[in-house]
Amino acid sequence: MSNELEKAKTRVKYIKGVYNHLIIFVVMNLIFLAVVLYIDFSVNYFINFFVLPWGMGIFIQWMLVFKWNPFTSKKWKERKIKEYLDKEE
């Protein structure tokens, strides 16, 4: 029971990390956008060098924490298992 509790606590910690990262992303990018607009830089510069790389990082973190992979769905896993079992026979 203790092992399951530790796993659950760790999972909640990672999920909380994703949400915290997302909140920081939104707040910081609003600040960066205000600075960029005040200095009169291009908004494209802001998007290309702040929003996209950081957003991709958050998306990858989200995929890892929530174990989402569009390329290896449950059906894909089942097909692969069946394929390997059929090869061994």
PDB file of N, CA and C in Angstrom:
ATOM      1  N   MET A   1       0.821  -1.195   0.000  1.00  0.00           N
ATOM      2  CA  MET A   1       0.000   0.000   0.000  1.00  0.00           C
ATOM      3  C   MET A   1       0.864   1.258   0.000  1.00  0.00           C
ATOM      4  N   SER A   2       1.959   1.213   0.705  1.00  0.00           N
ATOM      5  CA  SER A   2       2.843   2.374   0.805  1.00  0.00           C
ATOM      6  C   SER A   2       3.456   2.721  -0.546  1.00  0.00           C
ATOM      7  N   ASN A   3       3.795   1.686  -1.319  1.00  0.00           N
ATOM      8  CA  ASN A   3       4.376   1.907  -2.644  1.00  0.00           C
ATOM      9  C   ASN A   3       3.383   2.609  -3.572  1.00  0.00           C
ATOM     10  N   GLU A   4       2.133   2.202  -3.515  1.00  0.00           N
ATOM     11  CA  GLU A   4       1.096   2.831  -4.335  1.00  0.00           C
ATOM     12  C   GLU A   4       0.866   4.282  -3.908  1.00  0.00           C
ATOM     13  N   LEU A   5       0.930   4.530  -2.614  1.00  0.00           N
ATOM     14  CA  LEU A   5       0.773   5.887  -2.092  1.00  0.00           C
ATOM     15  C   LEU A   5       1.911   6.784  -2.585  1.00  0.00           C
ATOM     16  N   GLU A   6       3.120   6.271  -2.565  1.00  0.00           N
ATOM     17  CA  GLU A   6       4.274   7.038  -3.043  1.00  0.00           C
ATOM     18  C   GLU A   6       4.152   7.335  -4.539  1.00  0.00           C
ATOM     19  N   LYS A   7       3.693   6.344  -5.304  1.00  0.00           N
ATOM     20  CA  LYS A   7       3.492   6.557  -6.748  1.00  0.00           C
ATOM     21  C   LYS A   7       2.440   7.633  -6.994  1.00  0.00           C
ATOM     22  N   ALA A   8       1.362   7.581  -6.223  1.00  0.00           N
ATOM     23  CA  ALA A   8       0.288   8.569  -6.376  1.00  0.00           C
ATOM     24  C   ALA A   8       0.789   9.967  -6.011  1.00  0.00           C
ATOM     25  N   LYS A   9       1.548  10.067  -4.931  1.00  0.00           N
ATOM     26  CA  LYS A   9       2.099  11.363  -4.527  1.00  0.00           C
ATOM     27  C   LYS A   9       3.043  11.908  -5.596  1.00  0.00           C
ATOM     28  N   THR A  10       3.872  11.048  -6.148  1.00  0.00           N
ATOM     29  CA  THR A  10       4.803  11.466  -7.201  1.00  0.00           C
ATOM     30  C   THR A  10       4.053  11.927  -8.431  1.00  0.00           C
ATOM     31  N   ARG A  11       3.021  11.198  -8.805  1.00  0.00           N
ATOM     32  CA  ARG A  11       2.215  11.563  -9.979  1.00  0.00           C
ATOM     33  C   ARG A  11       1.548  12.924  -9.777  1.00  0.00           C
ATOM     34  N   VAL A  12       0.976  13.151  -8.596  1.00  0.00           N
ATOM     35  CA  VAL A  12       0.339  14.429  -8.293  1.00  0.00           C
ATOM     36  C   VAL A  12       1.376  15.549  -8.327  1.00  0.00           C
ATOM     37  N   LYS A  13       2.571  15.268  -7.843  1.00  0.00           N
ATOM     38  CA  LYS A  13       3.649  16.260  -7.864  1.00  0.00           C
ATOM     39  C   LYS A  13       3.975  16.663  -9.305  1.00  0.00           C
ATOM     40  N   TYR A  14       4.071  15.687 -10.213  1.00  0.00           N
ATOM     41  CA  TYR A  14       4.370  15.977 -11.621  1.00  0.00           C
ATOM     42  C   TYR A  14       3.231  16.740 -12.298  1.00  0.00           C
ATOM     43  N   ILE A  15       2.000  16.359 -11.994  1.00  0.00           N
ATOM     44  CA  ILE A  15       0.848  17.059 -12.570  1.00  0.00           C
ATOM     45  C   ILE A  15       0.817  18.503 -12.079  1.00  0.00           C
ATOM     46  N   LYS A  16       1.066  18.698 -10.792  1.00  0.00           N
ATOM     47  CA  LYS A  16       1.127  20.054 -10.235  1.00  0.00           C
ATOM     48  C   LYS A  16       2.235  20.854 -10.926  1.00  0.00           C
ATOM     49  N   GLY A  17       3.343  20.206 -11.231  1.00  0.00           N
ATOM     50  CA  GLY A  17       4.442  20.868 -11.929  1.00  0.00           C
ATOM     51  C   GLY A  17       4.032  21.367 -13.303  1.00  0.00           C
ATOM     52  N   VAL A  18       3.249  20.573 -14.017  1.00  0.00           N
ATOM     53  CA  VAL A  18       2.766  20.984 -15.339  1.00  0.00           C
ATOM     54  C   VAL A  18       1.881  22.220 -15.207  1.00  0.00           C
ATOM     55  N   TYR A  19       0.962  22.196 -14.252  1.00  0.00           N
ATOM     56  CA  TYR A  19       0.063  23.335 -14.071  1.00  0.00           C
ATOM     57  C   TYR A  19       0.829  24.594 -13.643  1.00  0.00           C
ATOM     58  N   ASN A  20       1.781  24.424 -12.730  1.00  0.00           N
ATOM     59  CA  ASN A  20       2.596  25.565 -12.318  1.00  0.00           C
ATOM     60  C   ASN A  20       3.390  26.132 -13.489  1.00  0.00           C
ATOM     61  N   HIS A  21       3.963  25.262 -14.293  1.00  0.00           N
ATOM     62  CA  HIS A  21       4.727  25.679 -15.462  1.00  0.00           C
ATOM     63  C   HIS A  21       3.829  26.440 -16.439  1.00  0.00           C
ATOM     64  N   LEU A  22       2.618  25.974 -16.616  1.00  0.00           N
ATOM     65  CA  LEU A  22       1.675  26.632 -17.516  1.00  0.00           C
ATOM     66  C   LEU A  22       1.292  28.026 -17.005  1.00  0.00           C
ATOM     67  N   ILE A  23       1.069  28.153 -15.705  1.00  0.00           N
ATOM     68  CA  ILE A  23       0.738  29.463 -15.123  1.00  0.00           C
ATOM     69  C   ILE A  23       1.911  30.430 -15.290  1.00  0.00           C
ATOM     70  N   ILE A  24       3.120  29.967 -15.003  1.00  0.00           N
ATOM     71  CA  ILE A  24       4.301  30.814 -15.171  1.00  0.00           C
ATOM     72  C   ILE A  24       4.462  31.215 -16.633  1.00  0.00           C
ATOM     73  N   PHE A  25       4.211  30.282 -17.541  1.00  0.00           N
ATOM     74  CA  PHE A  25       4.297  30.550 -18.978  1.00  0.00           C
ATOM     75  C   PHE A  25       3.366  31.695 -19.373  1.00  0.00           C
ATOM     76  N   VAL A  26       2.127  31.624 -18.932  1.00  0.00           N
ATOM     77  CA  VAL A  26       1.145  32.653 -19.298  1.00  0.00           C
ATOM     78  C   VAL A  26       1.535  34.007 -18.705  1.00  0.00           C
ATOM     79  N   VAL A  27       1.853  34.037 -17.427  1.00  0.00           N
ATOM     80  CA  VAL A  27       2.186  35.302 -16.762  1.00  0.00           C
ATOM     81  C   VAL A  27       3.446  35.920 -17.380  1.00  0.00           C
ATOM     82  N   MET A  28       4.484  35.129 -17.524  1.00  0.00           N
ATOM     83  CA  MET A  28       5.744  35.662 -18.060  1.00  0.00           C
ATOM     84  C   MET A  28       5.591  36.123 -19.505  1.00  0.00           C
ATOM     85  N   ASN A  29       4.835  35.392 -20.296  1.00  0.00           N
ATOM     86  CA  ASN A  29       4.672  35.805 -21.685  1.00  0.00           C
ATOM     87  C   ASN A  29       3.826  37.064 -21.812  1.00  0.00           C
ATOM     88  N   LEU A  30       2.903  37.290 -20.895  1.00  0.00           N
ATOM     89  CA  LEU A  30       2.176  38.566 -20.892  1.00  0.00           C
ATOM     90  C   LEU A  30       3.132  39.721 -20.574  1.00  0.00           C
ATOM     91  N   ILE A  31       4.023  39.487 -19.620  1.00  0.00           N
ATOM     92  CA  ILE A  31       5.024  40.509 -19.283  1.00  0.00           C
ATOM     93  C   ILE A  31       5.961  40.738 -20.468  1.00  0.00           C
ATOM     94  N   PHE A  32       6.464  39.648 -21.063  1.00  0.00           N
ATOM     95  CA  PHE A  32       7.352  39.772 -22.228  1.00  0.00           C
ATOM     96  C   PHE A  32       6.658  40.502 -23.367  1.00  0.00           C
ATOM     97  N   LEU A  33       5.398  40.194 -23.590  1.00  0.00           N
ATOM     98  CA  LEU A  33       4.657  40.843 -24.670  1.00  0.00           C
ATOM     99  C   LEU A  33       4.529  42.343 -24.408  1.00  0.00           C
ATOM    100  N   ALA A  34       4.242  42.713 -23.172  1.00  0.00           N
ATOM    101  CA  ALA A  34       4.146  44.133 -22.835  1.00  0.00           C
ATOM    102  C   ALA A  34       5.470  44.841 -23.088  1.00  0.00           C
ATOM    103  N   VAL A  35       6.579  44.207 -22.719  1.00  0.00           N
ATOM    104  CA  VAL A  35       7.907  44.795 -22.946  1.00  0.00           C
ATOM    105  C   VAL A  35       8.189  44.904 -24.437  1.00  0.00           C
ATOM    106  N   VAL A  36       7.889  43.857 -25.172  1.00  0.00           N
ATOM    107  CA  VAL A  36       8.138  43.860 -26.624  1.00  0.00           C
ATOM    108  C   VAL A  36       7.320  44.949 -27.301  1.00  0.00           C
ATOM    109  N   LEU A  37       6.078  45.092 -26.927  1.00  0.00           N
ATOM    110  CA  LEU A  37       5.242  46.133 -27.528  1.00  0.00           C
ATOM    111  C   LEU A  37       5.710  47.531 -27.110  1.00  0.00           C
ATOM    112  N   TYR A  38       6.185  47.671 -25.886  1.00  0.00           N
ATOM    113  CA  TYR A  38       6.670  48.966 -25.404  1.00  0.00           C
ATOM    114  C   TYR A  38       7.953  49.369 -26.141  1.00  0.00           C
ATOM    115  N   ILE A  39       8.849  48.404 -26.331  1.00  0.00           N
ATOM    116  CA  ILE A  39      10.119  48.688 -27.000  1.00  0.00           C
ATOM    117  C   ILE A  39       9.912  48.799 -28.512  1.00  0.00           C
ATOM    118  N   ASP A  40       8.790  48.312 -28.984  1.00  0.00           N
ATOM    119  CA  ASP A  40       8.425  48.374 -30.397  1.00  0.00           C
ATOM    120  C   ASP A  40       9.156  47.336 -31.245  1.00  0.00           C
ATOM    121  N   PHE A  41       9.430  46.178 -30.637  1.00  0.00           N
ATOM    122  CA  PHE A  41       9.954  45.064 -31.413  1.00  0.00           C
ATOM    123  C   PHE A  41       8.815  44.428 -32.188  1.00  0.00           C
ATOM    124  N   SER A  42       9.180  43.566 -33.078  1.00  0.00           N
ATOM    125  CA  SER A  42       8.185  42.838 -33.846  1.00  0.00           C
ATOM    126  C   SER A  42       7.535  41.766 -32.962  1.00  0.00           C
ATOM    127  N   VAL A  43       6.241  41.610 -33.086  1.00  0.00           N
ATOM    128  CA  VAL A  43       5.538  40.557 -32.348  1.00  0.00           C
ATOM    129  C   VAL A  43       5.970  39.191 -32.864  1.00  0.00           C
ATOM    130  N   ASN A  44       6.365  39.109 -34.147  1.00  0.00           N
ATOM    131  CA  ASN A  44       6.868  37.837 -34.681  1.00  0.00           C
ATOM    132  C   ASN A  44       8.111  37.388 -33.932  1.00  0.00           C
ATOM    133  N   TYR A  45       8.986  38.333 -33.612  1.00  0.00           N
ATOM    134  CA  TYR A  45      10.187  38.027 -32.826  1.00  0.00           C
ATOM    135  C   TYR A  45       9.766  37.429 -31.486  1.00  0.00           C
ATOM    136  N   PHE A  46       8.810  38.051 -30.846  1.00  0.00           N
ATOM    137  CA  PHE A  46       8.314  37.588 -29.546  1.00  0.00           C
ATOM    138  C   PHE A  46       7.787  36.157 -29.653  1.00  0.00           C
ATOM    139  N   ILE A  47       6.976  35.905 -30.669  1.00  0.00           N
ATOM    140  CA  ILE A  47       6.394  34.565 -30.827  1.00  0.00           C
ATOM    141  C   ILE A  47       7.468  33.533 -31.132  1.00  0.00           C
ATOM    142  N   ASN A  48       8.376  33.864 -32.041  1.00  0.00           N
ATOM    143  CA  ASN A  48       9.398  32.901 -32.469  1.00  0.00           C
ATOM    144  C   ASN A  48      10.418  32.581 -31.385  1.00  0.00           C
ATOM    145  N   PHE A  49      10.752  33.543 -30.546  1.00  0.00           N
ATOM    146  CA  PHE A  49      11.822  33.317 -29.588  1.00  0.00           C
ATOM    147  C   PHE A  49      11.373  33.137 -28.146  1.00  0.00           C
ATOM    148  N   PHE A  50      10.123  33.420 -27.850  1.00  0.00           N
ATOM    149  CA  PHE A  50       9.620  33.218 -26.495  1.00  0.00           C
ATOM    150  C   PHE A  50       8.507  32.179 -26.454  1.00  0.00           C
ATOM    151  N   VAL A  51       7.465  32.412 -27.185  1.00  0.00           N
ATOM    152  CA  VAL A  51       6.253  31.595 -27.064  1.00  0.00           C
ATOM    153  C   VAL A  51       6.440  30.187 -27.625  1.00  0.00           C
ATOM    154  N   LEU A  52       6.920  30.070 -28.850  1.00  0.00           N
ATOM    155  CA  LEU A  52       7.015  28.747 -29.474  1.00  0.00           C
ATOM    156  C   LEU A  52       7.960  27.781 -28.751  1.00  0.00           C
ATOM    157  N   PRO A  53       9.212  28.175 -28.482  1.00  0.00           N
ATOM    158  CA  PRO A  53      10.083  27.204 -27.800  1.00  0.00           C
ATOM    159  C   PRO A  53       9.581  26.813 -26.407  1.00  0.00           C
ATOM    160  N   TRP A  54       9.145  27.804 -25.646  1.00  0.00           N
ATOM    161  CA  TRP A  54       8.661  27.524 -24.300  1.00  0.00           C
ATOM    162  C   TRP A  54       7.368  26.718 -24.353  1.00  0.00           C
ATOM    163  N   GLY A  55       6.496  27.049 -25.284  1.00  0.00           N
ATOM    164  CA  GLY A  55       5.247  26.302 -25.454  1.00  0.00           C
ATOM    165  C   GLY A  55       5.492  24.856 -25.843  1.00  0.00           C
ATOM    166  N   MET A  56       6.474  24.625 -26.714  1.00  0.00           N
ATOM    167  CA  MET A  56       6.813  23.248 -27.090  1.00  0.00           C
ATOM    168  C   MET A  56       7.339  22.479 -25.882  1.00  0.00           C
ATOM    169  N   GLY A  57       8.128  23.153 -25.048  1.00  0.00           N
ATOM    170  CA  GLY A  57       8.634  22.506 -23.836  1.00  0.00           C
ATOM    171  C   GLY A  57       7.513  22.100 -22.901  1.00  0.00           C
ATOM    172  N   ILE A  58       6.545  22.975 -22.729  1.00  0.00           N
ATOM    173  CA  ILE A  58       5.396  22.658 -21.869  1.00  0.00           C
ATOM    174  C   ILE A  58       4.588  21.508 -22.471  1.00  0.00           C
ATOM    175  N   PHE A  59       4.418  21.511 -23.788  1.00  0.00           N
ATOM    176  CA  PHE A  59       3.669  20.434 -24.434  1.00  0.00           C
ATOM    177  C   PHE A  59       4.376  19.084 -24.247  1.00  0.00           C
ATOM    178  N   ILE A  60       5.689  19.070 -24.387  1.00  0.00           N
ATOM    179  CA  ILE A  60       6.445  17.823 -24.186  1.00  0.00           C
ATOM    180  C   ILE A  60       6.335  17.368 -22.737  1.00  0.00           C
ATOM    181  N   GLN A  61       6.437  18.318 -21.799  1.00  0.00           N
ATOM    182  CA  GLN A  61       6.278  17.976 -20.386  1.00  0.00           C
ATOM    183  C   GLN A  61       4.886  17.394 -20.140  1.00  0.00           C
ATOM    184  N   TRP A  62       3.872  18.004 -20.728  1.00  0.00           N
ATOM    185  CA  TRP A  62       2.494  17.510 -20.577  1.00  0.00           C
ATOM    186  C   TRP A  62       2.369  16.084 -21.127  1.00  0.00           C
ATOM    187  N   MET A  63       2.960  15.853 -22.310  1.00  0.00           N
ATOM    188  CA  MET A  63       2.895  14.513 -22.910  1.00  0.00           C
ATOM    189  C   MET A  63       3.542  13.473 -22.001  1.00  0.00           C
ATOM    190  N   LEU A  64       4.683  13.818 -21.408  1.00  0.00           N
ATOM    191  CA  LEU A  64       5.377  12.874 -20.535  1.00  0.00           C
ATOM    192  C   LEU A  64       4.599  12.613 -19.246  1.00  0.00           C
ATOM    193  N   VAL A  65       4.065  13.662 -18.649  1.00  0.00           N
ATOM    194  CA  VAL A  65       3.356  13.507 -17.371  1.00  0.00           C
ATOM    195  C   VAL A  65       2.047  12.742 -17.553  1.00  0.00           C
ATOM    196  N   PHE A  66       1.301  13.062 -18.608  1.00  0.00           N
ATOM    197  CA  PHE A  66       0.005  12.414 -18.814  1.00  0.00           C
ATOM    198  C   PHE A  66       0.096  11.181 -19.709  1.00  0.00           C
ATOM    199  N   LYS A  67       1.337  10.786 -20.038  1.00  0.00           N
ATOM    200  CA  LYS A  67       1.605   9.566 -20.807  1.00  0.00           C
ATOM    201  C   LYS A  67       0.784   9.508 -22.092  1.00  0.00           C
ATOM    202  N   TRP A  68       0.814  10.623 -22.830  1.00  0.00           N
ATOM    203  CA  TRP A  68       0.086  10.700 -24.089  1.00  0.00           C
ATOM    204  C   TRP A  68       1.070  10.627 -25.239  1.00  0.00           C
ATOM    205  N   ASN A  69       0.863   9.674 -26.118  1.00  0.00           N
ATOM    206  CA  ASN A  69       1.693   9.531 -27.307  1.00  0.00           C
ATOM    207  C   ASN A  69       0.780   9.152 -28.466  1.00  0.00           C
ATOM    208  N   PRO A  70       0.589  10.057 -29.413  1.00  0.00           N
ATOM    209  CA  PRO A  70      -0.345   9.771 -30.506  1.00  0.00           C
ATOM    210  C   PRO A  70       0.126   8.656 -31.431  1.00  0.00           C
ATOM    211  N   PHE A  71       1.402   8.319 -31.363  1.00  0.00           N
ATOM    212  CA  PHE A  71       1.948   7.315 -32.272  1.00  0.00           C
ATOM    213  C   PHE A  71       1.850   5.903 -31.725  1.00  0.00           C
ATOM    214  N   THR A  72       1.690   5.769 -30.421  1.00  0.00           N
ATOM    215  CA  THR A  72       1.599   4.441 -29.819  1.00  0.00           C
ATOM    216  C   THR A  72       0.351   4.346 -28.945  1.00  0.00           C
ATOM    217  N   SER A  73      -0.784   4.246 -29.584  1.00  0.00           N
ATOM    218  CA  SER A  73      -2.046   4.137 -28.855  1.00  0.00           C
ATOM    219  C   SER A  73      -2.198   2.728 -28.278  1.00  0.00           C
ATOM    220  N   LYS A  74      -3.257   2.534 -27.527  1.00  0.00           N
ATOM    221  CA  LYS A  74      -3.526   1.226 -26.927  1.00  0.00           C
ATOM    222  C   LYS A  74      -3.742   0.168 -28.013  1.00  0.00           C
ATOM    223  N   LYS A  75      -4.457   0.545 -29.082  1.00  0.00           N
ATOM    224  CA  LYS A  75      -4.675  -0.406 -30.180  1.00  0.00           C
ATOM    225  C   LYS A  75      -3.356  -0.768 -30.844  1.00  0.00           C
ATOM    226  N   TRP A  76      -2.471   0.218 -31.009  1.00  0.00           N
ATOM    227  CA  TRP A  76      -1.168  -0.036 -31.609  1.00  0.00           C
ATOM    228  C   TRP A  76      -0.377  -1.032 -30.764  1.00  0.00           C
ATOM    229  N   LYS A  77      -0.392  -0.823 -29.438  1.00  0.00           N
ATOM    230  CA  LYS A  77       0.321  -1.721 -28.523  1.00  0.00           C
ATOM    231  C   LYS A  77      -0.230  -3.139 -28.624  1.00  0.00           C
ATOM    232  N   GLU A  78      -1.565  -3.260 -28.652  1.00  0.00           N
ATOM    233  CA  GLU A  78      -2.181  -4.580 -28.748  1.00  0.00           C
ATOM    234  C   GLU A  78      -1.812  -5.270 -30.061  1.00  0.00           C
ATOM    235  N   ARG A  79      -1.807  -4.508 -31.171  1.00  0.00           N
ATOM    236  CA  ARG A  79      -1.408  -5.071 -32.467  1.00  0.00           C
ATOM    237  C   ARG A  79       0.034  -5.559 -32.442  1.00  0.00           C
ATOM    238  N   LYS A  80       0.920  -4.780 -31.850  1.00  0.00           N
ATOM    239  CA  LYS A  80       2.332  -5.156 -31.784  1.00  0.00           C
ATOM    240  C   LYS A  80       2.529  -6.401 -30.932  1.00  0.00           C
ATOM    241  N   ILE A  81       1.843  -6.477 -29.804  1.00  0.00           N
ATOM    242  CA  ILE A  81       1.951  -7.658 -28.947  1.00  0.00           C
ATOM    243  C   ILE A  81       1.485  -8.889 -29.703  1.00  0.00           C
ATOM    244  N   LYS A  82       0.340  -8.773 -30.387  1.00  0.00           N
ATOM    245  CA  LYS A  82      -0.175  -9.901 -31.172  1.00  0.00           C
ATOM    246  C   LYS A  82       0.800 -10.274 -32.283  1.00  0.00           C
ATOM    247  N   GLU A  83       1.379  -9.269 -32.924  1.00  0.00           N
ATOM    248  CA  GLU A  83       2.335  -9.507 -34.006  1.00  0.00           C
ATOM    249  C   GLU A  83       3.550 -10.293 -33.486  1.00  0.00           C
ATOM    250  N   TYR A  84       4.091  -9.901 -32.333  1.00  0.00           N
ATOM    251  CA  TYR A  84       5.258 -10.601 -31.789  1.00  0.00           C
ATOM    252  C   TYR A  84       4.912 -11.993 -31.306  1.00  0.00           C
ATOM    253  N   LEU A  85       3.719 -12.165 -30.750  1.00  0.00           N
ATOM    254  CA  LEU A  85       3.293 -13.496 -30.321  1.00  0.00           C
ATOM    255  C   LEU A  85       3.117 -14.416 -31.522  1.00  0.00           C
ATOM    256  N   ASP A  86       2.566 -13.868 -32.616  1.00  0.00           N
ATOM    257  CA  ASP A  86       2.389 -14.679 -33.830  1.00  0.00           C
ATOM    258  C   ASP A  86       3.722 -15.071 -34.449  1.00  0.00           C
ATOM    259  N   LYS A  87       4.719 -14.220 -34.365  1.00  0.00           N
ATOM    260  CA  LYS A  87       6.043 -14.528 -34.908  1.00  0.00           C
ATOM    261  C   LYS A  87       6.707 -15.657 -34.159  1.00  0.00           C
ATOM    262  N   GLU A  88       6.508 -15.710 -32.843  1.00  0.00           N
ATOM    263  CA  GLU A  88       7.153 -16.733 -32.041  1.00  0.00           C
ATOM    264  C   GLU A  88       6.550 -18.112 -32.230  1.00  0.00           C
ATOM    265  N   GLU A  89       5.326 -18.187 -32.718  1.00  0.00           N
ATOM    266  CA  GLU A  89       4.660 -19.487 -32.893  1.00  0.00           C
ATOM    267  C   GLU A  89       5.116 -20.174 -34.105  1.00  0.00           C
TER     268      GLU A  89
END
